[in-house]
Amino acid sequence: MNRLLSNIAQALQALNVHRRRAALSVLGITIGIAAVMAVGTISRGGNHLIYRELETFGLNSVWLYRNWNTQDVKQREKPGSGIDNDDYASLNNDRKQLGISHITPNVSAPYRWVSKQGNREANTRIIGVGRDYTTIANDKFKAGRAFNQNDIDSRQAVVLMAPQAASLLIEPGTNPVGQRIYIDGKRFLIIGLLEEKSRDFLASIGSDGGQNANDRVLMPYTTLQRMLGHKEIGHLQLEVEEFDEAAAVAENTRQRLITSHAGGYDYRAETMASYIETTNRILNGVSIIGIVSASISLLVGGMGIMNVMGTAVLERTREIGVRKAIGAREKDIMTQFLMEAGLISAIGGLMGLLVGTIASVVLAKLTDFPLIPSPTQVVLALVISIMVGLLSGFLPARRAARMKPVQALRSD
């Protein structure tokens, strides 16, 4: 320990002699580490933001639709959605065998209906859903309750409202739950108010499916079917028990629908798992490109350390000769110069972490990305900075350690 402290003290003293040169080397490492830190932190923040918004669709979700793009002309010309209440009941009864934890039908009004309360009205999106819908879609309740089976079976005139639709129809400061509204001339009771969902980032890149999650009015699918005069279901949304089994469950249920309709329709299945996989590839690619780009400045900083240490060896050749003449070993000389290089990079790394953290906070404020610092990333950045310093200082240190005492003493 005493030897280590002594080496550190000597290294600090040597760096102090050429403060400006050492400061420039420290600055190079600082910029490199700060850039890597900022890029990594913002990448993690963006990743977190996208996943948080994807959760509003249900991470374990599978969607089953009629495939309107089938190559079979007869199937393509056949009318209807290809999914009905019998299909839903069949899949719901066998959901445990199929690996489905929850399932809901989804029936949409063919156009946006005007909902009214008094002299207030809103052009709202009406969706008919089952009892499991809010569970699958990760909807949280600000007030009230979800649909129960009696609401579904008896086609109750009840609705759940998203906050934007509620704000247009209900007087400010009034609890929407218990209020009555009119939809297409029929009176409905509001039994639940959903919490707000954020899909701002997905909407900004055109990836929210064209759906404003806060502009919804949900009613029992049976009630909406009665209003529309049919028993068709637009699509089914499933929640699988195991995330890794989503693709298999999707294909099994798709084949089940094809069989039940004797090949009269074709179907397609989409899984949130596939969207997440695509998102991962894109985010990881962007993150790698950003970190590699930022690491170029770290490489430049390492080259700066190498140049500084090379110059230091030349300037201190006579000192090296004296030290070797009085008994210093090659190991001692090499340790001394590596210590100096390591200190430069360590100081630069610590300063880079500080600057990178400040830059990350500023960028998070400007971009509205959540700041997600990673302890692993902090430690890794510091280790990398020290390794850059040691590797950069290795060649100059080895050259210094291998000098012959006589030749070094003759140096001017």
Protein backbone atom coordinates (compact mmCIF):
# COMPACT_ATOMS: atom_id res chain seq x y z
CA MET A 1 0.00 0.00 0.00
CA ASN A 2 2.81 2.43 0.89
CA ARG A 3 4.53 1.71 -2.44
CA LEU A 4 1.25 2.33 -4.29
CA LEU A 5 0.69 5.64 -2.53
CA SER A 6 4.27 6.61 -3.23
CA ASN A 7 3.84 5.83 -6.94
CA ILE A 8 0.64 7.87 -7.07
CA ALA A 9 2.34 10.80 -5.36
CA GLN A 10 5.27 10.68 -7.79
CA ALA A 11 2.90 10.44 -10.74
CA LEU A 12 0.93 13.47 -9.56
CA GLN A 13 4.15 15.39 -9.06
CA ALA A 14 5.33 14.51 -12.58
CA LEU A 15 2.00 15.55 -14.09
CA ASN A 16 2.06 18.80 -12.14
CA VAL A 17 5.30 19.79 -13.83
CA HIS A 18 3.53 19.85 -17.20
CA ARG A 19 0.04 20.86 -16.10
CA ARG A 20 -1.12 22.26 -19.44
CA ARG A 21 -0.07 19.16 -21.36
CA ALA A 22 -1.70 16.87 -18.80
CA ALA A 23 -4.87 18.99 -18.81
CA LEU A 24 -5.24 18.64 -22.57
CA SER A 25 -4.89 14.87 -22.31
CA VAL A 26 -7.46 14.81 -19.51
CA LEU A 27 -9.79 16.91 -21.68
CA GLY A 28 -9.59 14.40 -24.53
CA ILE A 29 -10.63 11.52 -22.27
CA THR A 30 -13.32 13.71 -20.64
CA ILE A 31 -14.95 14.47 -23.98
CA GLY A 32 -14.83 10.83 -25.05
CA ILE A 33 -16.34 9.45 -21.85
CA ALA A 34 -18.95 12.24 -21.70
CA ALA A 35 -20.05 11.48 -25.27
CA VAL A 36 -20.30 7.74 -24.65
CA MET A 37 -22.14 8.37 -21.37
CA ALA A 38 -24.64 10.78 -22.92
CA VAL A 39 -25.36 8.58 -25.95
CA GLY A 40 -25.82 5.47 -23.79
CA THR A 41 -28.07 7.22 -21.29
CA ILE A 42 -30.30 8.82 -23.91
CA SER A 43 -30.50 5.51 -25.80
CA ARG A 44 -31.67 3.76 -22.64
CA GLY A 45 -34.14 6.56 -22.02
CA GLY A 46 -35.56 6.27 -25.53
CA ASN A 47 -35.77 2.51 -25.16
CA HIS A 48 -37.66 2.89 -21.88
CA LEU A 49 -40.02 5.46 -23.38
CA ILE A 50 -40.95 3.28 -26.36
CA TYR A 51 -41.51 0.21 -24.18
CA ARG A 52 -43.66 2.23 -21.82
CA GLU A 53 -45.87 3.28 -24.73
CA LEU A 54 -45.94 -0.22 -26.22
CA GLU A 55 -47.24 -1.45 -22.88
CA THR A 56 -50.42 0.55 -23.53
CA PHE A 57 -51.26 -2.00 -26.25
CA GLY A 58 -50.43 -5.01 -24.04
CA LEU A 59 -46.98 -6.54 -24.31
CA ASN A 60 -48.30 -10.11 -24.49
CA SER A 61 -50.96 -9.27 -27.06
CA VAL A 62 -51.88 -11.13 -30.23
CA TRP A 63 -54.31 -9.67 -32.78
CA LEU A 64 -56.33 -11.85 -35.15
CA TYR A 65 -57.85 -10.26 -38.26
CA ARG A 66 -59.36 -11.32 -41.50
CA ASN A 67 -56.69 -11.23 -44.21
CA TRP A 68 -58.11 -8.99 -46.89
CA ASN A 69 -54.98 -9.34 -49.02
CA THR A 70 -55.30 -13.05 -49.64
CA GLN A 71 -54.44 -14.29 -53.13
CA ASP A 72 -57.60 -16.41 -53.22
CA VAL A 73 -60.15 -14.38 -55.22
CA LYS A 74 -63.19 -16.18 -53.74
CA GLN A 75 -61.99 -15.54 -50.20
CA ARG A 76 -61.20 -11.93 -50.99
CA GLU A 77 -64.67 -11.26 -52.43
CA LYS A 78 -66.55 -12.92 -49.58
CA PRO A 79 -68.25 -10.30 -47.35
CA GLY A 80 -67.98 -9.98 -43.61
CA SER A 81 -65.19 -9.85 -41.05
CA GLY A 82 -64.81 -13.64 -40.98
CA ILE A 83 -64.98 -13.65 -37.17
CA ASP A 84 -68.17 -13.97 -35.16
CA ASN A 85 -69.38 -14.61 -31.63
CA ASP A 86 -69.12 -18.37 -32.08
CA ASP A 87 -65.41 -18.05 -32.91
CA TYR A 88 -64.88 -15.97 -29.78
CA ALA A 89 -66.80 -18.42 -27.60
CA SER A 90 -64.87 -21.38 -29.01
CA LEU A 91 -61.46 -19.83 -28.43
CA ASN A 92 -62.50 -18.55 -25.00
CA ASN A 93 -63.64 -22.02 -23.92
CA ASP A 94 -60.34 -23.60 -25.02
CA ARG A 95 -58.04 -20.74 -24.05
CA LYS A 96 -56.11 -22.73 -21.44
CA GLN A 97 -55.29 -25.42 -23.99
CA LEU A 98 -54.22 -22.77 -26.49
CA GLY A 99 -52.00 -20.87 -24.01
CA ILE A 100 -54.31 -17.86 -23.85
CA SER A 101 -54.75 -16.08 -20.53
CA HIS A 102 -57.30 -13.49 -21.68
CA ILE A 103 -59.27 -12.85 -24.85
CA THR A 104 -61.58 -10.07 -25.98
CA PRO A 105 -63.59 -9.33 -29.10
CA ASN A 106 -63.22 -5.90 -30.68
CA VAL A 107 -66.14 -4.40 -32.57
CA SER A 108 -65.75 -0.93 -33.99
CA ALA A 109 -68.47 1.43 -35.15
CA PRO A 110 -68.16 1.98 -38.91
CA TYR A 111 -67.73 5.73 -38.34
CA ARG A 112 -67.22 8.10 -35.44
CA TRP A 113 -70.51 8.64 -33.65
CA VAL A 114 -71.48 11.88 -31.99
CA SER A 115 -71.88 11.50 -28.25
CA LYS A 116 -73.91 14.07 -26.37
CA GLN A 117 -74.68 15.31 -22.90
CA GLY A 118 -76.89 18.36 -22.79
CA ASN A 119 -75.43 20.91 -25.16
CA ARG A 120 -71.98 19.31 -25.08
CA GLU A 121 -71.00 16.82 -27.77
CA ALA A 122 -67.93 14.97 -29.05
CA ASN A 123 -67.15 13.10 -32.23
CA THR A 124 -65.92 9.96 -30.49
CA ARG A 125 -64.51 6.59 -31.46
CA ILE A 126 -66.83 3.83 -30.22
CA ILE A 127 -65.40 0.37 -29.55
CA GLY A 128 -67.28 -2.70 -28.40
CA VAL A 129 -65.17 -4.92 -26.18
CA GLY A 130 -65.33 -7.87 -23.82
CA ARG A 131 -64.74 -8.15 -20.10
CA ASP A 132 -61.00 -8.85 -20.51
CA TYR A 133 -60.25 -5.86 -22.72
CA THR A 134 -58.98 -3.47 -20.03
CA THR A 135 -56.77 -6.21 -18.56
CA ILE A 136 -55.17 -7.03 -21.91
CA ALA A 137 -54.66 -3.39 -22.89
CA ASN A 138 -53.23 -2.44 -19.46
CA ASP A 139 -55.94 0.15 -18.89
CA LYS A 140 -56.02 1.66 -15.42
CA PHE A 141 -59.11 3.15 -13.83
CA LYS A 142 -59.20 6.66 -12.47
CA ALA A 143 -62.72 6.06 -11.19
CA GLY A 144 -65.47 3.48 -11.45
CA ARG A 145 -65.25 -0.14 -12.54
CA ALA A 146 -64.69 -2.41 -15.53
CA PHE A 147 -67.36 -4.36 -17.38
CA ASN A 148 -68.60 -7.53 -15.71
CA GLN A 149 -70.10 -10.58 -17.37
CA ASN A 150 -73.66 -9.40 -16.68
CA ASP A 151 -72.97 -6.20 -18.65
CA ILE A 152 -71.89 -8.35 -21.59
CA ASP A 153 -74.61 -11.00 -21.43
CA SER A 154 -77.54 -8.61 -20.92
CA ARG A 155 -76.24 -6.01 -23.38
CA GLN A 156 -76.25 -3.26 -20.82
CA ALA A 157 -76.21 0.37 -21.96
CA VAL A 158 -73.04 1.20 -20.06
CA VAL A 159 -69.74 2.72 -21.18
CA LEU A 160 -66.18 3.32 -20.08
CA MET A 161 -64.67 6.64 -21.10
CA ALA A 162 -61.13 7.70 -21.85
CA PRO A 163 -60.13 11.10 -20.41
CA GLN A 164 -60.19 13.16 -23.62
CA ALA A 165 -63.67 12.02 -24.57
CA ALA A 166 -64.86 12.59 -20.99
CA SER A 167 -63.43 16.12 -20.90
CA LEU A 168 -65.43 17.03 -24.03
CA LEU A 169 -68.72 15.65 -22.73
CA ILE A 170 -68.65 16.22 -18.98
CA GLU A 171 -68.56 19.57 -17.22
CA PRO A 172 -65.13 20.33 -15.69
CA GLY A 173 -64.96 19.41 -12.03
CA THR A 174 -67.78 16.86 -12.37
CA ASN A 175 -67.17 13.15 -11.79
CA PRO A 176 -68.07 11.41 -15.07
CA VAL A 177 -68.95 8.16 -13.31
CA GLY A 178 -72.71 8.01 -12.85
CA GLN A 179 -73.38 10.57 -15.59
CA ARG A 180 -75.52 9.67 -18.59
CA ILE A 181 -74.70 10.42 -22.22
CA TYR A 182 -76.39 9.79 -25.55
CA ILE A 183 -74.71 7.82 -28.33
CA ASP A 184 -76.52 7.58 -31.64
CA GLY A 185 -79.69 8.69 -29.84
CA LYS A 186 -79.47 6.00 -27.13
CA ARG A 187 -78.80 6.75 -23.48
CA PHE A 188 -75.79 5.19 -21.73
CA LEU A 189 -74.53 5.23 -18.16
CA ILE A 190 -70.84 5.96 -17.56
CA ILE A 191 -69.54 3.33 -15.14
CA GLY A 192 -65.79 3.90 -15.43
CA LEU A 193 -63.21 6.56 -16.27
CA LEU A 194 -59.89 5.36 -17.67
CA GLU A 195 -56.55 6.92 -16.84
CA GLU A 196 -54.69 8.83 -19.52
CA LYS A 197 -52.34 6.90 -21.77
CA SER A 198 -49.30 8.39 -23.45
CA ARG A 199 -48.50 7.39 -27.03
CA ASP A 200 -47.01 10.73 -28.00
CA PHE A 201 -43.68 9.33 -29.16
CA LEU A 202 -45.22 6.53 -31.23
CA ALA A 203 -47.68 9.02 -32.71
CA SER A 204 -44.83 11.37 -33.62
CA ILE A 205 -43.22 8.65 -35.75
CA GLY A 206 -46.55 7.45 -37.14
CA SER A 207 -46.51 4.13 -35.26
CA ASP A 208 -49.52 4.37 -32.91
CA GLY A 209 -51.84 2.52 -35.27
CA GLY A 210 -53.76 5.71 -35.97
CA GLN A 211 -55.43 5.45 -32.56
CA ASN A 212 -55.63 8.10 -29.89
CA ALA A 213 -55.86 6.04 -26.72
CA ASN A 214 -57.43 8.96 -24.83
CA ASP A 215 -60.27 9.42 -27.33
CA ARG A 216 -62.22 6.21 -26.78
CA VAL A 217 -65.65 5.25 -25.55
CA LEU A 218 -65.90 1.55 -24.71
CA MET A 219 -69.15 -0.39 -24.45
CA PRO A 220 -69.98 -4.10 -24.25
CA TYR A 221 -69.43 -5.64 -27.67
CA THR A 222 -72.86 -7.25 -27.49
CA THR A 223 -74.46 -3.83 -27.00
CA LEU A 224 -72.65 -2.38 -30.02
CA GLN A 225 -73.54 -5.44 -32.11
CA ARG A 226 -77.22 -4.91 -31.29
CA MET A 227 -76.93 -1.26 -32.35
CA LEU A 228 -75.21 -2.30 -35.60
CA GLY A 229 -77.62 -5.17 -36.24
CA HIS A 230 -75.06 -8.01 -36.63
CA LYS A 231 -72.97 -10.45 -34.64
CA GLU A 232 -69.65 -9.93 -36.41
CA ILE A 233 -66.39 -9.18 -34.62
CA GLY A 234 -63.83 -6.90 -36.24
CA HIS A 235 -60.85 -8.66 -34.66
CA LEU A 236 -59.88 -10.64 -31.62
CA GLN A 237 -57.19 -9.56 -29.19
CA LEU A 238 -55.53 -12.22 -27.07
CA GLU A 239 -53.12 -12.11 -24.18
CA VAL A 240 -50.79 -15.11 -24.16
CA GLU A 241 -49.63 -16.74 -20.94
CA GLU A 242 -45.97 -16.81 -22.01
CA PHE A 243 -44.37 -14.00 -24.01
CA ASP A 244 -42.04 -16.41 -25.83
CA GLU A 245 -45.01 -18.48 -26.99
CA ALA A 246 -46.81 -15.57 -28.68
CA ALA A 247 -45.87 -16.60 -32.23
CA ALA A 248 -46.94 -20.22 -31.70
CA VAL A 249 -50.24 -19.21 -30.07
CA ALA A 250 -50.90 -16.75 -32.90
CA GLU A 251 -50.41 -19.42 -35.57
CA ASN A 252 -52.47 -22.03 -33.68
CA THR A 253 -55.42 -19.69 -33.24
CA ARG A 254 -55.15 -18.54 -36.87
CA GLN A 255 -55.33 -22.13 -38.07
CA ARG A 256 -58.23 -22.73 -35.69
CA LEU A 257 -60.22 -19.93 -37.35
CA ILE A 258 -59.38 -21.17 -40.84
CA THR A 259 -60.59 -24.66 -39.93
CA SER A 260 -63.77 -23.47 -38.23
CA HIS A 261 -64.78 -21.56 -41.37
CA ALA A 262 -63.87 -24.43 -43.70
CA GLY A 263 -61.31 -22.35 -45.54
CA GLY A 264 -63.85 -19.71 -46.48
CA TYR A 265 -61.64 -16.96 -45.10
CA ASP A 266 -57.96 -16.39 -44.61
CA TYR A 267 -56.60 -14.73 -41.47
CA ARG A 268 -53.50 -12.97 -40.30
CA ALA A 269 -52.09 -12.69 -36.82
CA GLU A 270 -49.89 -9.98 -35.40
CA THR A 271 -48.01 -10.19 -32.12
CA MET A 272 -46.62 -7.46 -29.94
CA ALA A 273 -43.55 -9.69 -29.60
CA SER A 274 -42.76 -9.11 -33.29
CA TYR A 275 -43.06 -5.35 -32.85
CA ILE A 276 -40.81 -5.50 -29.80
CA GLU A 277 -38.23 -7.56 -31.69
CA THR A 278 -38.21 -5.00 -34.52
CA THR A 279 -37.96 -2.17 -32.00
CA ASN A 280 -35.03 -3.88 -30.30
CA ARG A 281 -33.15 -4.24 -33.57
CA ILE A 282 -33.68 -0.60 -34.49
CA LEU A 283 -32.82 0.77 -31.03
CA ASN A 284 -29.77 -1.44 -30.63
CA GLY A 285 -28.51 -0.46 -34.07
CA VAL A 286 -28.97 3.24 -33.36
CA SER A 287 -27.34 2.86 -29.94
CA ILE A 288 -24.33 1.00 -31.35
CA ILE A 289 -23.84 3.57 -34.09
CA GLY A 290 -24.05 6.38 -31.54
CA ILE A 291 -21.62 4.77 -29.11
CA VAL A 292 -19.14 3.89 -31.87
CA SER A 293 -19.30 7.48 -33.13
CA ALA A 294 -18.81 8.83 -29.62
CA SER A 295 -15.95 6.40 -29.02
CA ILE A 296 -13.94 8.02 -31.80
CA SER A 297 -13.30 10.96 -29.48
CA LEU A 298 -12.19 8.49 -26.81
CA LEU A 299 -9.73 7.01 -29.30
CA VAL A 300 -8.42 10.49 -30.03
CA GLY A 301 -8.01 11.03 -26.29
CA GLY A 302 -6.03 7.79 -26.04
CA MET A 303 -3.72 8.90 -28.84
CA GLY A 304 -3.23 12.16 -26.96
CA ILE A 305 -2.11 10.25 -23.87
CA MET A 306 0.29 8.21 -25.96
CA ASN A 307 1.85 11.36 -27.41
CA VAL A 308 2.09 13.02 -24.00
CA MET A 309 3.72 9.99 -22.42
CA GLY A 310 6.09 9.60 -25.39
CA THR A 311 7.19 13.22 -24.97
CA ALA A 312 7.56 12.71 -21.21
CA VAL A 313 9.88 9.74 -21.77
CA LEU A 314 12.11 11.80 -24.08
CA GLU A 315 12.25 14.73 -21.65
CA ARG A 316 12.99 12.52 -18.66
CA THR A 317 15.57 10.21 -20.29
CA ARG A 318 18.34 11.41 -17.97
CA GLU A 319 16.07 10.96 -14.93
CA ILE A 320 15.38 7.39 -16.03
CA GLY A 321 19.13 6.75 -16.34
CA VAL A 322 19.78 8.07 -12.82
CA ARG A 323 17.01 5.99 -11.32
CA LYS A 324 18.25 2.83 -13.03
CA ALA A 325 21.83 3.58 -11.99
CA ILE A 326 20.83 3.67 -8.32
CA GLY A 327 18.92 0.39 -8.51
CA ALA A 328 15.49 1.00 -10.05
CA ARG A 329 14.18 -2.04 -11.90
CA GLU A 330 12.47 -2.08 -15.28
CA LYS A 331 9.29 -2.96 -13.45
CA ASP A 332 9.56 0.19 -11.30
CA ILE A 333 10.10 2.49 -14.30
CA MET A 334 7.26 0.92 -16.23
CA THR A 335 4.91 1.10 -13.25
CA GLN A 336 5.73 4.78 -12.78
CA PHE A 337 4.85 5.78 -16.34
CA LEU A 338 1.78 3.54 -16.46
CA MET A 339 0.64 5.15 -13.23
CA GLU A 340 0.88 8.58 -14.83
CA ALA A 341 -1.08 7.44 -17.88
CA GLY A 342 -3.66 5.75 -15.66
CA LEU A 343 -4.10 8.88 -13.55
CA ILE A 344 -4.67 11.02 -16.64
CA SER A 345 -7.35 8.66 -17.91
CA ALA A 346 -8.94 8.14 -14.46
CA ILE A 347 -9.26 11.89 -13.85
CA GLY A 348 -10.56 12.33 -17.37
CA GLY A 349 -13.01 9.48 -16.85
CA LEU A 350 -14.41 10.96 -13.62
CA MET A 351 -14.78 14.36 -15.22
CA GLY A 352 -16.37 12.71 -18.27
CA LEU A 353 -18.95 11.00 -16.07
CA LEU A 354 -19.83 14.34 -14.51
CA VAL A 355 -20.06 16.15 -17.84
CA GLY A 356 -21.92 13.21 -19.41
CA THR A 357 -24.48 13.19 -16.59
CA ILE A 358 -25.09 16.92 -16.97
CA ALA A 359 -25.37 16.53 -20.76
CA SER A 360 -27.82 13.64 -20.31
CA VAL A 361 -30.02 15.71 -17.99
CA VAL A 362 -30.05 18.61 -20.45
CA LEU A 363 -30.83 16.33 -23.41
CA ALA A 364 -33.56 14.60 -21.42
CA LYS A 365 -35.15 17.98 -20.72
CA LEU A 366 -34.93 19.05 -24.35
CA THR A 367 -36.23 15.77 -25.81
CA ASP A 368 -38.65 14.76 -23.02
CA PHE A 369 -36.88 11.41 -22.85
CA PRO A 370 -36.79 9.84 -19.39
CA LEU A 371 -33.28 9.93 -17.93
CA ILE A 372 -32.26 6.34 -17.23
CA PRO A 373 -28.73 6.27 -15.81
CA SER A 374 -27.17 2.84 -15.55
CA PRO A 375 -24.77 2.02 -12.68
CA THR A 376 -23.24 -0.64 -14.93
CA GLN A 377 -22.69 1.93 -17.63
CA VAL A 378 -21.01 4.31 -15.17
CA VAL A 379 -18.62 1.64 -13.92
CA LEU A 380 -17.95 0.39 -17.46
CA ALA A 381 -17.19 3.91 -18.71
CA LEU A 382 -14.71 4.47 -15.89
CA VAL A 383 -13.03 1.09 -16.47
CA ILE A 384 -12.80 1.79 -20.20
CA SER A 385 -11.22 5.20 -19.59
CA ILE A 386 -8.56 3.67 -17.32
CA MET A 387 -7.90 0.87 -19.82
CA VAL A 388 -7.52 3.42 -22.62
CA GLY A 389 -4.96 5.26 -20.51
CA LEU A 390 -3.00 2.13 -19.64
CA LEU A 391 -2.98 0.83 -23.20
CA SER A 392 -2.00 4.23 -24.55
CA GLY A 393 0.79 4.55 -22.03
CA PHE A 394 2.09 1.00 -22.41
CA LEU A 395 4.45 1.55 -25.37
CA PRO A 396 6.07 4.72 -23.97
CA ALA A 397 6.37 3.05 -20.54
CA ARG A 398 7.98 -0.06 -22.03
CA ARG A 399 10.43 2.08 -24.01
CA ALA A 400 11.37 3.93 -20.83
CA ALA A 401 11.78 0.69 -18.86
CA ARG A 402 14.10 -0.84 -21.48
CA MET A 403 16.52 2.08 -21.66
CA LYS A 404 20.15 1.29 -20.91
CA PRO A 405 21.36 3.33 -17.91
CA VAL A 406 24.63 4.41 -19.59
CA GLN A 407 22.90 5.60 -22.77
CA ALA A 408 20.21 7.37 -20.75
CA LEU A 409 22.81 9.21 -18.60
CA ARG A 410 24.56 10.45 -21.71
CA SER A 411 21.35 12.10 -22.92
CA ASP A 412 21.29 15.89 -22.84
